[in-house]
Amino acid sequence: MLRILYGKDDFTKHQALESIRKNICDPDTLAVNTCLLNGKQLSLKQLEDACNVYPSLLCPARLVIVEGLLGRFESKRKKGRRVSDSEGKSSRDMEEWLGLVGYVKRLPPTTELVLVDGELKAQNRLLSALLPLAEAKAFPAFKDEALRLWVQSRVKDSGGTITIGAMNALVALVGADLWAMSSEIDKLLAYSEGQHITEEDVNQAVSYVRETDIFTLVDAILEGRREIAQQWLQQLLQSGAGPPYILVMITRQLRLITAAKELGGDLFRPEVRAGLEQPNDISLQKALRQAKAYTKERIRAAYHKVVETDVDIKSGKYDDELGLNLLIIELGRV
């Protein structure tokens, strides 16, 4: 049987693969009847050879997992551009791999063939050719309400409860990376000691992870290390942090640095913290460090640039990601 698991959501995709494993036979026996192949460097003949091996008597099926085969044939060529030698080779590879359609029809009944891939376009020729012959499931990244429901379900399945405010804060901080989200939920369940997970719990136990990246980004920006800043920006975006969130956090950090410049150690007083959205101790300590490293004029100029970028994005002059990249360039000149 051929199965295809693809999409951005690696966590749920991994769970689906584990479910397939459990339904074949016990883990120890299946281990010696499993073949994992790198689809990016695989030939059709090598795949056929792996699939034609029969399982041991103790296991009803052989599991062959191929990672990255379909993604190998994602179209990267732009309209009107000449075909390069590498693209010509890719086209020849495609013709070879379309032969997989014929092989799947004679796949040994004792072989479970699973193709595992990331996000794929609907125009992927190999995917389109194989879909009628496969049990396929797409795993897109969770977004907005679907992500919140996933968090709520995960907490409940683990024996806990979470407030709406905490759930929203957790989604904003961690984003759509379910591996990271699952890990943070486990930490929060331990942190809350079986009680409701509150927004305060999230702010204390989780926020420092994403904020640490923001501190590093702000450092790189103010030090004029544009390439490093852009790398951190892309890392934040890829981890699921939305551009509006990143802009808000940069603004918040610059406000904290400004307050640290003016107040010094008084920043830790309860009444001062209350006026700064109750930042945790780690946030305040880093703000104090950054306040010593940069002049007040530099920080204020950077803050005004951030405000201008916010206006430009909201007015539609730039889209979110372009606005952030231009902001990094502008701040490097402050």
Protein backbone atom coordinates (compact mmCIF):
# COMPACT_ATOMS: atom_id res chain seq x y z
CA MET A 1 0.00 0.00 0.00
CA LEU A 2 1.15 3.54 -0.76
CA ARG A 3 0.59 6.35 1.73
CA ILE A 4 1.57 10.00 1.31
CA LEU A 5 1.99 12.33 4.31
CA TYR A 6 2.91 15.92 3.47
CA GLY A 7 2.67 19.47 4.77
CA LYS A 8 4.28 22.03 7.09
CA ASP A 9 2.96 20.52 10.31
CA ASP A 10 5.78 18.09 11.15
CA PHE A 11 4.39 17.31 14.62
CA THR A 12 1.01 15.91 13.52
CA LYS A 13 2.65 14.31 10.49
CA HIS A 14 5.06 12.49 12.81
CA GLN A 15 2.13 11.31 14.94
CA ALA A 16 0.41 9.93 11.82
CA LEU A 17 3.57 8.03 10.89
CA GLU A 18 3.81 6.60 14.41
CA SER A 19 0.20 5.46 14.14
CA ILE A 20 1.05 3.58 10.93
CA ARG A 21 4.00 1.93 12.70
CA LYS A 22 1.87 0.79 15.65
CA ASN A 23 -0.74 -0.76 13.37
CA ILE A 24 1.81 -3.03 11.65
CA CYS A 25 3.41 -4.94 14.52
CA ASP A 26 5.30 -4.46 17.79
CA PRO A 27 8.13 -1.88 17.71
CA ASP A 28 11.02 -4.32 18.22
CA THR A 29 9.97 -6.61 15.39
CA LEU A 30 9.10 -3.71 13.10
CA ALA A 31 12.52 -2.10 13.65
CA VAL A 32 14.27 -4.84 11.63
CA ASN A 33 11.54 -4.65 8.99
CA THR A 34 11.79 -0.89 8.42
CA CYS A 35 13.79 0.86 5.70
CA LEU A 36 14.29 4.66 5.79
CA LEU A 37 15.40 6.25 2.50
CA ASN A 38 16.52 9.75 1.51
CA GLY A 39 14.26 10.66 -1.42
CA LYS A 40 16.48 13.54 -2.50
CA GLN A 41 19.21 11.17 -3.69
CA LEU A 42 17.20 8.04 -4.45
CA SER A 43 16.72 6.24 -7.78
CA LEU A 44 13.54 4.41 -8.71
CA LYS A 45 15.50 1.15 -8.98
CA GLN A 46 16.79 1.54 -5.40
CA LEU A 47 13.27 2.15 -4.15
CA GLU A 48 11.91 -0.89 -5.98
CA ASP A 49 14.69 -3.08 -4.54
CA ALA A 50 13.86 -1.90 -1.01
CA CYS A 51 10.13 -2.51 -1.49
CA ASN A 52 10.59 -5.98 -3.02
CA VAL A 53 12.19 -7.37 0.16
CA TYR A 54 9.75 -9.53 2.10
CA PRO A 55 9.30 -9.07 5.85
CA SER A 56 10.41 -11.58 8.46
CA LEU A 57 7.95 -14.28 9.55
CA LEU A 58 7.24 -12.43 12.81
CA CYS A 59 5.95 -9.28 11.07
CA PRO A 60 3.07 -9.11 8.56
CA ALA A 61 4.55 -6.19 6.59
CA ARG A 62 7.72 -4.33 5.67
CA LEU A 63 7.69 -0.55 6.18
CA VAL A 64 9.56 1.57 3.64
CA ILE A 65 9.68 5.31 4.48
CA VAL A 66 10.94 7.77 1.86
CA GLU A 67 11.62 11.35 2.97
CA GLY A 68 11.77 14.29 0.55
CA LEU A 69 11.09 12.52 -2.74
CA LEU A 70 8.09 14.60 -3.82
CA GLY A 71 9.69 17.87 -2.72
CA ARG A 72 12.54 17.07 -5.09
CA PHE A 73 10.16 17.82 -7.97
CA GLU A 74 8.71 21.09 -6.75
CA SER A 75 8.86 23.62 -9.62
CA LYS A 76 11.35 26.43 -9.01
CA ARG A 77 11.63 27.86 -12.52
CA LYS A 78 10.13 31.29 -13.22
CA LYS A 79 8.18 32.04 -16.36
CA GLY A 80 10.21 33.20 -19.34
CA ARG A 81 13.58 32.07 -17.96
CA ARG A 82 15.79 29.67 -19.91
CA VAL A 83 16.01 26.09 -18.70
CA SER A 84 19.37 25.44 -17.02
CA ASP A 85 21.33 22.17 -17.16
CA SER A 86 20.22 21.32 -13.62
CA GLU A 87 16.59 21.94 -14.55
CA GLY A 88 17.00 19.72 -17.60
CA LYS A 89 18.36 16.97 -15.36
CA SER A 90 15.39 17.45 -13.02
CA SER A 91 13.05 17.01 -15.98
CA ARG A 92 14.74 13.73 -16.90
CA ASP A 93 14.50 12.60 -13.26
CA MET A 94 10.78 13.36 -13.37
CA GLU A 95 10.27 11.14 -16.40
CA GLU A 96 12.08 8.32 -14.58
CA TRP A 97 10.06 8.77 -11.40
CA LEU A 98 6.72 8.82 -13.20
CA GLY A 99 7.50 5.12 -13.59
CA LEU A 100 6.65 4.84 -9.89
CA VAL A 101 2.98 4.99 -10.92
CA GLY A 102 3.33 1.68 -12.72
CA TYR A 103 5.37 0.12 -9.91
CA VAL A 104 2.84 1.06 -7.22
CA LYS A 105 0.25 -1.03 -9.07
CA ARG A 106 2.44 -4.11 -8.56
CA LEU A 107 3.77 -3.19 -5.11
CA PRO A 108 4.06 -6.36 -2.96
CA PRO A 109 1.02 -6.63 -0.64
CA THR A 110 3.43 -7.09 2.28
CA THR A 111 5.04 -3.66 1.74
CA GLU A 112 3.82 -0.43 3.32
CA LEU A 113 5.39 2.42 1.31
CA VAL A 114 5.11 5.84 2.95
CA LEU A 115 6.25 9.04 1.23
CA VAL A 116 6.87 11.82 3.77
CA ASP A 117 7.33 15.41 2.59
CA GLY A 118 7.01 19.04 3.52
CA GLU A 119 4.66 21.54 1.90
CA LEU A 120 3.88 20.68 -1.73
CA LYS A 121 2.18 22.63 -4.50
CA ALA A 122 -0.91 21.25 -6.20
CA GLN A 123 1.01 21.43 -9.50
CA ASN A 124 3.61 18.87 -8.34
CA ARG A 125 3.50 16.34 -11.21
CA LEU A 126 4.62 13.32 -9.24
CA LEU A 127 2.18 14.04 -6.42
CA SER A 128 -0.68 14.48 -8.91
CA ALA A 129 0.20 11.22 -10.65
CA LEU A 130 0.35 9.23 -7.39
CA LEU A 131 -2.67 10.65 -5.55
CA PRO A 132 -5.25 8.37 -7.28
CA LEU A 133 -3.23 5.32 -6.13
CA ALA A 134 -2.49 6.44 -2.58
CA GLU A 135 -4.00 7.07 0.81
CA ALA A 136 -2.83 10.68 1.15
CA LYS A 137 -3.14 13.21 3.94
CA ALA A 138 -2.04 16.84 3.99
CA PHE A 139 -0.83 18.45 7.22
CA PRO A 140 -0.96 22.25 6.79
CA ALA A 141 0.33 24.46 9.60
CA PHE A 142 -2.28 25.27 12.22
CA LYS A 143 -3.47 28.87 12.21
CA ASP A 144 -5.52 31.16 14.46
CA GLU A 145 -8.58 29.42 15.89
CA ALA A 146 -7.46 25.93 14.79
CA LEU A 147 -4.19 26.44 16.68
CA ARG A 148 -6.02 27.63 19.80
CA LEU A 149 -8.31 24.59 19.69
CA TRP A 150 -5.25 22.34 19.32
CA VAL A 151 -3.65 23.94 22.40
CA GLN A 152 -6.85 23.55 24.41
CA SER A 153 -7.20 19.91 23.37
CA ARG A 154 -3.53 19.14 24.12
CA VAL A 155 -3.80 20.65 27.61
CA LYS A 156 -7.03 18.78 28.31
CA ASP A 157 -5.63 15.45 27.07
CA SER A 158 -2.70 15.96 29.45
CA GLY A 159 -5.06 16.42 32.40
CA GLY A 160 -4.92 20.20 32.69
CA THR A 161 -6.97 23.32 31.98
CA ILE A 162 -6.00 26.67 30.47
CA THR A 163 -7.64 30.10 30.51
CA ILE A 164 -8.51 31.88 27.26
CA GLY A 165 -6.01 34.63 28.05
CA ALA A 166 -3.25 32.09 28.66
CA MET A 167 -4.11 30.26 25.45
CA ASN A 168 -3.95 33.48 23.41
CA ALA A 169 -0.65 34.48 25.03
CA LEU A 170 0.85 31.04 24.38
CA VAL A 171 -0.16 31.11 20.72
CA ALA A 172 1.29 34.62 20.30
CA LEU A 173 4.60 33.66 21.90
CA VAL A 174 5.24 30.21 20.47
CA GLY A 175 3.45 30.34 17.11
CA ALA A 176 2.57 27.35 14.94
CA ASP A 177 5.58 25.15 15.78
CA LEU A 178 3.71 22.27 17.46
CA TRP A 179 6.94 20.60 18.65
CA ALA A 180 7.81 23.76 20.59
CA MET A 181 4.18 24.25 21.63
CA SER A 182 3.90 20.70 22.97
CA SER A 183 7.11 21.16 24.96
CA GLU A 184 5.94 24.48 26.40
CA ILE A 185 2.57 22.98 27.38
CA ASP A 186 4.36 20.20 29.26
CA LYS A 187 6.45 22.81 31.10
CA LEU A 188 3.36 24.87 31.94
CA LEU A 189 1.49 21.84 33.29
CA ALA A 190 4.41 21.16 35.63
CA TYR A 191 4.76 24.87 36.48
CA SER A 192 1.07 25.28 37.35
CA GLU A 193 1.12 22.12 39.51
CA GLY A 194 -2.18 20.79 38.22
CA GLN A 195 -4.05 24.10 38.55
CA HIS A 196 -5.43 26.30 35.76
CA ILE A 197 -2.70 27.55 33.42
CA THR A 198 -3.03 31.33 33.59
CA GLU A 199 -1.73 34.17 31.45
CA GLU A 200 0.70 35.03 34.24
CA ASP A 201 2.05 31.45 34.12
CA VAL A 202 2.65 31.81 30.39
CA ASN A 203 4.38 35.17 30.79
CA GLN A 204 6.66 33.84 33.50
CA ALA A 205 7.46 30.40 32.07
CA VAL A 206 7.37 30.84 28.29
CA SER A 207 7.81 34.42 27.14
CA TYR A 208 11.55 34.62 27.82
CA VAL A 209 12.26 32.16 24.97
CA ARG A 210 10.81 34.35 22.22
CA GLU A 211 11.91 37.54 23.99
CA THR A 212 15.52 36.35 24.03
CA ASP A 213 15.37 36.22 20.23
CA ILE A 214 13.89 39.74 20.20
CA PHE A 215 16.75 41.00 22.43
CA THR A 216 19.29 39.48 20.05
CA LEU A 217 17.49 41.01 17.05
CA VAL A 218 17.42 44.47 18.67
CA ASP A 219 21.13 44.16 19.57
CA ALA A 220 22.02 43.26 15.99
CA ILE A 221 19.89 46.14 14.66
CA LEU A 222 21.38 48.79 16.95
CA GLU A 223 24.92 47.54 16.34
CA GLY A 224 24.40 47.90 12.58
CA ARG A 225 24.88 44.15 11.92
CA ARG A 226 22.26 44.10 9.18
CA GLU A 227 22.86 40.58 7.86
CA ILE A 228 22.72 39.08 11.36
CA ALA A 229 19.56 41.06 12.14
CA GLN A 230 17.88 39.82 8.96
CA GLN A 231 18.87 36.23 9.81
CA TRP A 232 17.26 36.58 13.26
CA LEU A 233 14.19 38.15 11.67
CA GLN A 234 13.80 35.19 9.30
CA GLN A 235 14.31 32.77 12.19
CA LEU A 236 11.52 34.46 14.15
CA LEU A 237 9.20 34.41 11.12
CA GLN A 238 9.95 30.72 10.46
CA SER A 239 9.28 29.85 14.09
CA GLY A 240 5.73 31.15 13.64
CA ALA A 241 6.07 34.70 15.01
CA GLY A 242 3.88 36.99 12.91
CA PRO A 243 5.32 40.31 11.58
CA PRO A 244 2.87 42.41 13.67
CA TYR A 245 3.98 40.55 16.81
CA ILE A 246 7.68 41.10 15.98
CA LEU A 247 7.09 44.82 15.41
CA VAL A 248 5.20 45.10 18.71
CA MET A 249 8.00 43.27 20.56
CA ILE A 250 10.73 45.46 19.02
CA THR A 251 8.71 48.54 20.05
CA ARG A 252 8.21 47.12 23.55
CA GLN A 253 11.91 46.36 23.90
CA LEU A 254 12.92 49.87 22.84
CA ARG A 255 10.45 51.28 25.39
CA LEU A 256 12.00 49.08 28.09
CA ILE A 257 15.51 50.19 27.12
CA THR A 258 14.41 53.85 27.23
CA ALA A 259 12.87 53.33 30.68
CA ALA A 260 16.01 51.52 31.86
CA LYS A 261 18.14 54.45 30.62
CA GLU A 262 16.08 56.91 32.66
CA LEU A 263 15.28 54.86 35.76
CA GLY A 264 18.17 52.42 36.17
CA GLY A 265 17.58 50.03 39.08
CA ASP A 266 14.20 51.63 39.85
CA LEU A 267 12.93 49.65 36.86
CA PHE A 268 12.33 46.72 39.23
CA ARG A 269 9.96 48.63 41.53
CA PRO A 270 6.41 47.14 41.38
CA GLU A 271 4.71 50.42 40.44
CA VAL A 272 7.19 50.98 37.57
CA ARG A 273 6.80 47.41 36.30
CA ALA A 274 3.02 47.80 36.31
CA GLY A 275 3.35 50.72 33.89
CA LEU A 276 5.55 48.63 31.59
CA GLU A 277 3.12 45.71 31.10
CA GLN A 278 4.65 43.68 33.97
CA PRO A 279 7.85 42.45 32.24
CA ASN A 280 9.62 39.52 33.89
CA ASP A 281 13.02 39.82 35.61
CA ILE A 282 14.93 38.46 32.61
CA SER A 283 13.39 41.13 30.35
CA LEU A 284 14.33 43.90 32.77
CA GLN A 285 17.90 42.66 33.23
CA LYS A 286 18.46 42.53 29.48
CA ALA A 287 16.94 45.99 29.04
CA LEU A 288 19.37 47.37 31.65
CA ARG A 289 22.30 45.79 29.79
CA GLN A 290 21.16 47.22 26.46
CA ALA A 291 20.56 50.65 28.03
CA LYS A 292 24.24 50.82 29.03
CA ALA A 293 25.38 49.85 25.53
CA TYR A 294 23.51 52.51 23.52
CA THR A 295 23.01 56.29 23.79
CA LYS A 296 19.61 57.77 24.58
CA GLU A 297 19.58 59.59 21.24
CA ARG A 298 20.21 56.34 19.35
CA ILE A 299 17.42 54.51 21.15
CA ARG A 300 14.93 57.34 20.59
CA ALA A 301 15.81 57.60 16.90
CA ALA A 302 15.31 53.84 16.55
CA TYR A 303 11.96 54.07 18.35
CA HIS A 304 10.72 56.78 15.96
CA LYS A 305 11.75 54.65 12.96
CA VAL A 306 9.73 51.76 14.34
CA VAL A 307 6.66 53.99 14.75
CA GLU A 308 7.06 55.20 11.13
CA THR A 309 7.26 51.60 9.91
CA ASP A 310 4.12 50.72 11.86
CA VAL A 311 2.27 53.58 10.13
CA ASP A 312 3.61 52.57 6.69
CA ILE A 313 2.46 48.97 7.17
CA LYS A 314 -0.98 49.90 8.50
CA SER A 315 -1.52 52.41 5.68
CA GLY A 316 -0.69 49.73 3.11
CA LYS A 317 2.50 51.39 1.85
CA TYR A 318 4.42 48.14 2.54
CA ASP A 319 3.37 44.61 3.40
CA ASP A 320 4.39 43.32 6.86
CA GLU A 321 7.54 41.38 5.98
CA LEU A 322 8.90 43.97 3.52
CA GLY A 323 8.27 46.71 6.08
CA LEU A 324 10.28 44.81 8.72
CA ASN A 325 13.21 44.20 6.36
CA LEU A 326 13.28 47.87 5.34
CA LEU A 327 13.11 48.81 9.03
CA ILE A 328 16.27 46.77 9.73
CA ILE A 329 18.08 48.60 6.92
CA GLU A 330 16.90 52.01 8.20
CA LEU A 331 17.79 51.27 11.83
CA GLY A 332 21.28 50.27 10.75
CA ARG A 333 21.76 53.86 9.59
CA VAL A 334 20.49 55.51 12.79
